[in-house]
């Protein structure tokens, strides 16, 4: 992926879900959908569920799909989970690999961690949020380039 696409993906992620962006019309019953477009690039994130959820992010260039990521996760302790902590971590995605958040992000008693193997063309990973050393959120993800 070239730098223009990486920059766009980072911008799209920071301005949609992670940036508290507004949802667009759902594509399926009860889905949550967010989108972003810039020049010839278009990003779409759609997911179902909230405490137990699955979704997909994808990027198109000139109306052709070029990248996608599937994810599935769960909130293990809704009493202490903070969506704001998750979104803050996701806004800090690395510029060279804007898949999820950074390897580590601390916010008070919360620790976000993301472990990814592979690169933008083919990857899989797992992220968690711990509160006082107890896992309260987890998410698996995988994806890469599409042709």
C-alpha atoms as a PDB file:
ATOM      1  CA  UNK A   1       0.000   0.000   0.000  1.00  0.00           C
ATOM      2  CA  UNK A   2       1.346   3.404  -0.879  1.00  0.00           C
ATOM      3  CA  UNK A   3       1.597   6.290   1.583  1.00  0.00           C
ATOM      4  CA  UNK A   4      -1.473   8.064   0.159  1.00  0.00           C
ATOM      5  CA  UNK A   5      -3.663   5.057   0.962  1.00  0.00           C
ATOM      6  CA  UNK A   6      -2.083   4.595   4.412  1.00  0.00           C
ATOM      7  CA  UNK A   7      -2.669   8.290   5.184  1.00  0.00           C
ATOM      8  CA  UNK A   8      -6.272   8.035   4.006  1.00  0.00           C
ATOM      9  CA  UNK A   9      -6.921   4.904   6.076  1.00  0.00           C
ATOM     10  CA  UNK A  10      -5.512   6.598   9.180  1.00  0.00           C
ATOM     11  CA  UNK A  11      -7.636   9.717   8.509  1.00  0.00           C
ATOM     12  CA  UNK A  12     -10.764   7.604   7.909  1.00  0.00           C
ATOM     13  CA  UNK A  13     -10.319   5.631  11.113  1.00  0.00           C
ATOM     14  CA  UNK A  14      -9.660   8.783  13.150  1.00  0.00           C
ATOM     15  CA  UNK A  15     -12.764  10.549  11.852  1.00  0.00           C
ATOM     16  CA  UNK A  16     -15.322   7.717  11.901  1.00  0.00           C
ATOM     17  CA  UNK A  17     -15.750   5.326  14.868  1.00  0.00           C
ATOM     18  CA  UNK A  18     -12.606   6.318  16.799  1.00  0.00           C
ATOM     19  CA  UNK A  19     -13.353  10.004  16.223  1.00  0.00           C
ATOM     20  CA  UNK A  20     -16.972   9.760  17.402  1.00  0.00           C
ATOM     21  CA  UNK A  21     -18.119  10.219  13.786  1.00  0.00           C
ATOM     22  CA  UNK A  22     -21.781  10.106  12.867  1.00  0.00           C
ATOM     23  CA  UNK A  23     -23.251   6.862  11.640  1.00  0.00           C
ATOM     24  CA  UNK A  24     -24.692   6.663   8.133  1.00  0.00           C
ATOM     25  CA  UNK A  25     -27.805   4.743   7.070  1.00  0.00           C
ATOM     26  CA  UNK A  26     -27.446   1.065   8.031  1.00  0.00           C
ATOM     27  CA  UNK A  27     -26.814  -1.414   5.233  1.00  0.00           C
ATOM     28  CA  UNK A  28     -28.401  -4.305   7.158  1.00  0.00           C
ATOM     29  CA  UNK A  29     -30.964  -4.583   9.966  1.00  0.00           C
ATOM     30  CA  UNK A  30     -29.478  -3.274  13.243  1.00  0.00           C
ATOM     31  CA  UNK A  31     -26.020  -2.636  11.760  1.00  0.00           C
ATOM     32  CA  UNK A  32     -23.871   0.359  12.678  1.00  0.00           C
ATOM     33  CA  UNK A  33     -22.261   1.909   9.607  1.00  0.00           C
ATOM     34  CA  UNK A  34     -19.702   4.693   9.229  1.00  0.00           C
ATOM     35  CA  UNK A  35     -18.044   5.962   6.061  1.00  0.00           C
ATOM     36  CA  UNK A  36     -15.498   8.426   4.776  1.00  0.00           C
ATOM     37  CA  UNK A  37     -14.427   9.466   1.287  1.00  0.00           C
ATOM     38  CA  UNK A  38     -11.577  11.538  -0.096  1.00  0.00           C
ATOM     39  CA  UNK A  39     -10.670  11.984  -3.787  1.00  0.00           C
ATOM     40  CA  UNK A  40     -10.816   8.500  -5.359  1.00  0.00           C
ATOM     41  CA  UNK A  41     -10.708   6.658  -1.998  1.00  0.00           C
ATOM     42  CA  UNK A  42     -13.679   5.451   0.059  1.00  0.00           C
ATOM     43  CA  UNK A  43     -13.736   3.779   3.508  1.00  0.00           C
ATOM     44  CA  UNK A  44     -16.597   1.864   5.049  1.00  0.00           C
ATOM     45  CA  UNK A  45     -16.913   0.348   8.540  1.00  0.00           C
ATOM     46  CA  UNK A  46     -19.953  -1.757   9.368  1.00  0.00           C
ATOM     47  CA  UNK A  47     -20.583  -3.814  12.478  1.00  0.00           C
ATOM     48  CA  UNK A  48     -23.364  -5.582  14.322  1.00  0.00           C
ATOM     49  CA  UNK A  49     -23.737  -5.897  18.068  1.00  0.00           C
ATOM     50  CA  UNK A  50     -22.112  -3.830  20.793  1.00  0.00           C
ATOM     51  CA  UNK A  51     -21.157  -5.970  23.807  1.00  0.00           C
ATOM     52  CA  UNK A  52     -20.622  -8.951  21.480  1.00  0.00           C
ATOM     53  CA  UNK A  53     -19.799  -7.619  18.027  1.00  0.00           C
ATOM     54  CA  UNK A  54     -18.449  -8.434  14.576  1.00  0.00           C
ATOM     55  CA  UNK A  55     -17.702  -6.161  11.679  1.00  0.00           C
ATOM     56  CA  UNK A  56     -15.654  -5.227   8.665  1.00  0.00           C
ATOM     57  CA  UNK A  57     -13.676  -2.221   7.530  1.00  0.00           C
ATOM     58  CA  UNK A  58     -12.832  -1.834   3.855  1.00  0.00           C
ATOM     59  CA  UNK A  59     -11.209   0.631   1.451  1.00  0.00           C
ATOM     60  CA  UNK A  60     -12.043   1.164  -2.208  1.00  0.00           C
ATOM     61  CA  UNK A  61     -10.018   3.084  -4.787  1.00  0.00           C
ATOM     62  CA  UNK A  62     -11.817   4.149  -7.951  1.00  0.00           C
ATOM     63  CA  UNK A  63     -14.755   1.948  -6.852  1.00  0.00           C
ATOM     64  CA  UNK A  64     -12.568  -1.178  -6.648  1.00  0.00           C
ATOM     65  CA  UNK A  65     -11.962  -2.829  -3.248  1.00  0.00           C
ATOM     66  CA  UNK A  66      -8.271  -2.767  -2.271  1.00  0.00           C
ATOM     67  CA  UNK A  67      -8.120  -3.561   1.482  1.00  0.00           C
ATOM     68  CA  UNK A  68     -10.344  -5.114   4.142  1.00  0.00           C
ATOM     69  CA  UNK A  69     -10.276  -6.149   7.776  1.00  0.00           C
ATOM     70  CA  UNK A  70     -12.737  -8.333   9.685  1.00  0.00           C
ATOM     71  CA  UNK A  71     -13.031  -8.114  13.450  1.00  0.00           C
ATOM     72  CA  UNK A  72     -14.963  -9.791  16.231  1.00  0.00           C
ATOM     73  CA  UNK A  73     -14.852  -8.976  19.911  1.00  0.00           C
ATOM     74  CA  UNK A  74     -16.607  -8.757  23.212  1.00  0.00           C
ATOM     75  CA  UNK A  75     -16.891  -6.642  26.335  1.00  0.00           C
ATOM     76  CA  UNK A  76     -16.163  -8.920  29.294  1.00  0.00           C
ATOM     77  CA  UNK A  77     -17.033  -6.445  32.071  1.00  0.00           C
ATOM     78  CA  UNK A  78     -19.539  -3.775  31.023  1.00  0.00           C
ATOM     79  CA  UNK A  79     -19.427  -2.155  34.459  1.00  0.00           C
ATOM     80  CA  UNK A  80     -15.878  -0.868  33.935  1.00  0.00           C
ATOM     81  CA  UNK A  81     -15.433  -0.975  30.138  1.00  0.00           C
ATOM     82  CA  UNK A  82     -14.857   2.444  28.573  1.00  0.00           C
ATOM     83  CA  UNK A  83     -15.583   2.970  24.897  1.00  0.00           C
ATOM     84  CA  UNK A  84     -13.746   6.279  25.195  1.00  0.00           C
ATOM     85  CA  UNK A  85     -10.527   4.482  26.184  1.00  0.00           C
ATOM     86  CA  UNK A  86     -10.887   2.193  23.159  1.00  0.00           C
ATOM     87  CA  UNK A  87     -11.539   5.116  20.818  1.00  0.00           C
ATOM     88  CA  UNK A  88      -8.574   7.074  22.233  1.00  0.00           C
ATOM     89  CA  UNK A  89      -6.302   4.093  21.551  1.00  0.00           C
ATOM     90  CA  UNK A  90      -7.680   3.594  18.029  1.00  0.00           C
ATOM     91  CA  UNK A  91      -7.028   7.274  17.215  1.00  0.00           C
ATOM     92  CA  UNK A  92      -3.344   6.573  17.888  1.00  0.00           C
ATOM     93  CA  UNK A  93      -2.969   3.898  15.217  1.00  0.00           C
ATOM     94  CA  UNK A  94       0.594   3.799  13.851  1.00  0.00           C
ATOM     95  CA  UNK A  95       1.002   5.757  10.592  1.00  0.00           C
ATOM     96  CA  UNK A  96       2.867   2.929   8.873  1.00  0.00           C
ATOM     97  CA  UNK A  97       0.310   0.271   9.888  1.00  0.00           C
ATOM     98  CA  UNK A  98      -3.070   1.863  10.725  1.00  0.00           C
ATOM     99  CA  UNK A  99      -4.876  -1.390  11.485  1.00  0.00           C
ATOM    100  CA  UNK A 100      -5.972  -0.890  15.099  1.00  0.00           C
ATOM    101  CA  UNK A 101      -4.322   1.054  17.946  1.00  0.00           C
ATOM    102  CA  UNK A 102      -0.700   1.253  19.096  1.00  0.00           C
ATOM    103  CA  UNK A 103       1.047  -1.681  20.783  1.00  0.00           C
ATOM    104  CA  UNK A 104       0.258  -0.105  24.179  1.00  0.00           C
ATOM    105  CA  UNK A 105      -1.865   2.798  25.418  1.00  0.00           C
ATOM    106  CA  UNK A 106      -2.328   3.658  29.100  1.00  0.00           C
ATOM    107  CA  UNK A 107      -5.144   5.770  30.413  1.00  0.00           C
ATOM    108  CA  UNK A 108      -5.490   5.809  34.198  1.00  0.00           C
ATOM    109  CA  UNK A 109      -6.140   2.234  35.367  1.00  0.00           C
ATOM    110  CA  UNK A 110      -6.773   1.100  31.766  1.00  0.00           C
ATOM    111  CA  UNK A 111      -4.190  -0.570  29.524  1.00  0.00           C
ATOM    112  CA  UNK A 112      -4.954  -1.097  25.846  1.00  0.00           C
ATOM    113  CA  UNK A 113      -2.688  -3.621  24.099  1.00  0.00           C
ATOM    114  CA  UNK A 114      -2.566  -4.678  20.452  1.00  0.00           C
ATOM    115  CA  UNK A 115      -0.446  -7.492  19.042  1.00  0.00           C
ATOM    116  CA  UNK A 116      -0.313  -7.844  15.260  1.00  0.00           C
ATOM    117  CA  UNK A 117       1.584 -10.248  13.053  1.00  0.00           C
ATOM    118  CA  UNK A 118       2.089  -9.595   9.364  1.00  0.00           C
ATOM    119  CA  UNK A 119       1.860  -6.357   7.430  1.00  0.00           C
ATOM    120  CA  UNK A 120      -0.823  -4.276   5.714  1.00  0.00           C
ATOM    121  CA  UNK A 121      -1.077  -6.805   2.884  1.00  0.00           C
ATOM    122  CA  UNK A 122      -1.813  -9.812   5.170  1.00  0.00           C
ATOM    123  CA  UNK A 123      -2.216  -9.669   8.948  1.00  0.00           C
ATOM    124  CA  UNK A 124      -3.944 -10.997  12.015  1.00  0.00           C
ATOM    125  CA  UNK A 125      -4.059  -9.679  15.533  1.00  0.00           C
ATOM    126  CA  UNK A 126      -5.594  -9.518  18.960  1.00  0.00           C
ATOM    127  CA  UNK A 127      -6.275  -6.510  21.173  1.00  0.00           C
ATOM    128  CA  UNK A 128      -7.319  -6.235  24.798  1.00  0.00           C
ATOM    129  CA  UNK A 129      -8.199  -3.617  27.351  1.00  0.00           C
ATOM    130  CA  UNK A 130      -7.250  -4.357  30.924  1.00  0.00           C
ATOM    131  CA  UNK A 131      -8.633  -2.564  33.947  1.00  0.00           C
ATOM    132  CA  UNK A 132      -6.544  -3.001  37.070  1.00  0.00           C
ATOM    133  CA  UNK A 133      -4.769  -5.952  35.395  1.00  0.00           C
ATOM    134  CA  UNK A 134      -8.031  -7.756  34.497  1.00  0.00           C
ATOM    135  CA  UNK A 135      -9.037  -8.218  30.833  1.00  0.00           C
ATOM    136  CA  UNK A 136     -12.378  -6.450  30.335  1.00  0.00           C
ATOM    137  CA  UNK A 137     -12.437  -6.302  26.501  1.00  0.00           C
ATOM    138  CA  UNK A 138     -10.968  -8.389  23.698  1.00  0.00           C
ATOM    139  CA  UNK A 139     -11.086  -8.332  19.912  1.00  0.00           C
ATOM    140  CA  UNK A 140      -9.605 -10.550  17.185  1.00  0.00           C
ATOM    141  CA  UNK A 141      -9.008  -9.122  13.718  1.00  0.00           C
ATOM    142  CA  UNK A 142      -7.488 -10.148  10.396  1.00  0.00           C
ATOM    143  CA  UNK A 143      -7.300  -8.891   6.846  1.00  0.00           C
ATOM    144  CA  UNK A 144      -5.154  -7.366   4.147  1.00  0.00           C
ATOM    145  CA  UNK A 145      -5.135  -6.371   0.519  1.00  0.00           C
ATOM    146  CA  UNK A 146      -7.917  -7.583  -1.753  1.00  0.00           C
ATOM    147  CA  UNK A 147      -7.874  -7.920  -5.551  1.00  0.00           C
END
